[in-house]
Amino acid sequence: MKKQYYERYKKIGLKISYYRKCNGITQEQLAEKISKDVSFIGAVEAPNVNRAVSLDTLFDIAEALKVSPYKFLMDD
C-alpha cells in the first residue's frame, strides 16, 4: 500500500464497519461469509492498522453486506 493512500484505506475500513453493523452482523460472521479470517476483518476495520483490501475482497464484502461497492469508495 502506498503511504499516500493510507487515509483512503482507513475510510474504506470504517465504512465496512459501518455497513456491517447496519446489517447486524459480527466481524466473525462477515469473515465467514467472505472466507477470510476474523483477524483480517478486524485489521481492515481498525483505524490504526495499515491493511489494504483487494478489489476482489471489496466486491465480496459488498455482496455479503448487500451494498454497492462504490459506497466504500465515495468521499463523504
Protein backbone atom coordinates (compact mmCIF):
# COMPACT_ATOMS: atom_id res chain seq x y z
CA MET A 1 0.00 0.00 0.00
CA LYS A 2 1.30 3.41 -0.92
CA LYS A 3 1.63 5.70 2.05
CA GLN A 4 -0.32 8.39 0.20
CA TYR A 5 -3.40 6.12 0.20
CA TYR A 6 -3.35 5.29 3.90
CA GLU A 7 -6.24 7.64 4.73
CA ARG A 8 -8.36 6.23 1.88
CA TYR A 9 -7.91 2.68 3.13
CA LYS A 10 -8.73 3.86 6.63
CA LYS A 11 -12.03 5.36 5.38
CA ILE A 12 -12.86 2.18 3.48
CA GLY A 13 -12.34 0.16 6.65
CA LEU A 14 -14.56 2.48 8.66
CA LYS A 15 -17.29 2.23 6.02
CA ILE A 16 -17.06 -1.56 6.03
CA SER A 17 -17.50 -1.45 9.79
CA TYR A 18 -20.46 0.92 9.47
CA TYR A 19 -22.32 -1.18 6.88
CA ARG A 20 -21.51 -4.40 8.73
CA LYS A 21 -23.08 -3.00 11.89
CA CYS A 22 -26.08 -1.68 9.91
CA ASN A 23 -26.61 -5.25 8.74
CA GLY A 24 -26.42 -6.52 12.31
CA ILE A 25 -23.60 -8.96 11.71
CA THR A 26 -20.39 -9.52 13.62
CA GLN A 27 -16.85 -9.49 12.29
CA GLU A 28 -16.85 -13.26 12.68
CA GLN A 29 -19.98 -13.63 10.55
CA LEU A 30 -18.62 -11.35 7.83
CA ALA A 31 -15.31 -13.21 7.82
CA GLU A 32 -17.16 -16.48 7.38
CA LYS A 33 -19.29 -15.10 4.52
CA ILE A 34 -16.23 -14.00 2.56
CA SER A 35 -13.96 -16.90 3.56
CA LYS A 36 -11.44 -14.75 5.41
CA ASP A 37 -10.03 -14.93 8.91
CA VAL A 38 -11.69 -12.74 11.53
CA SER A 39 -8.33 -11.11 12.22
CA PHE A 40 -8.33 -9.87 8.61
CA ILE A 41 -11.70 -8.14 9.09
CA GLY A 42 -10.52 -6.68 12.37
CA ALA A 43 -7.38 -5.31 10.73
CA VAL A 44 -9.32 -3.81 7.81
CA GLU A 45 -11.80 -2.08 10.11
CA ALA A 46 -9.24 -0.85 12.65
CA PRO A 47 -8.38 2.81 12.00
CA ASN A 48 -4.87 2.38 13.41
CA VAL A 49 -3.91 -0.67 11.31
CA ASN A 50 -2.50 -0.31 7.80
CA ARG A 51 -4.34 -3.09 5.91
CA ALA A 52 -5.11 -2.95 2.17
CA VAL A 53 -8.08 -4.70 0.56
CA SER A 54 -8.07 -6.14 -2.95
CA LEU A 55 -10.91 -5.35 -5.32
CA ASP A 56 -11.99 -8.99 -5.25
CA THR A 57 -12.26 -8.85 -1.46
CA LEU A 58 -14.04 -5.49 -1.58
CA PHE A 59 -16.57 -6.96 -4.02
CA ASP A 60 -17.05 -9.99 -1.74
CA ILE A 61 -17.63 -7.71 1.26
CA ALA A 62 -20.07 -5.54 -0.69
CA GLU A 63 -22.03 -8.62 -1.77
CA ALA A 64 -22.09 -10.03 1.77
CA LEU A 65 -23.32 -6.70 3.15
CA LYS A 66 -25.75 -6.09 0.26
CA VAL A 67 -24.09 -2.75 -0.53
CA SER A 68 -22.87 -1.41 -3.87
CA PRO A 69 -19.06 -1.41 -3.91
CA TYR A 70 -18.94 2.27 -4.80
CA LYS A 71 -20.31 3.10 -1.34
CA PHE A 72 -16.94 2.13 0.14
CA LEU A 73 -15.05 4.41 -2.25
CA MET A 74 -17.17 7.57 -2.05
CA ASP A 75 -15.77 10.55 -0.21
CA ASP A 76 -18.22 11.82 2.38
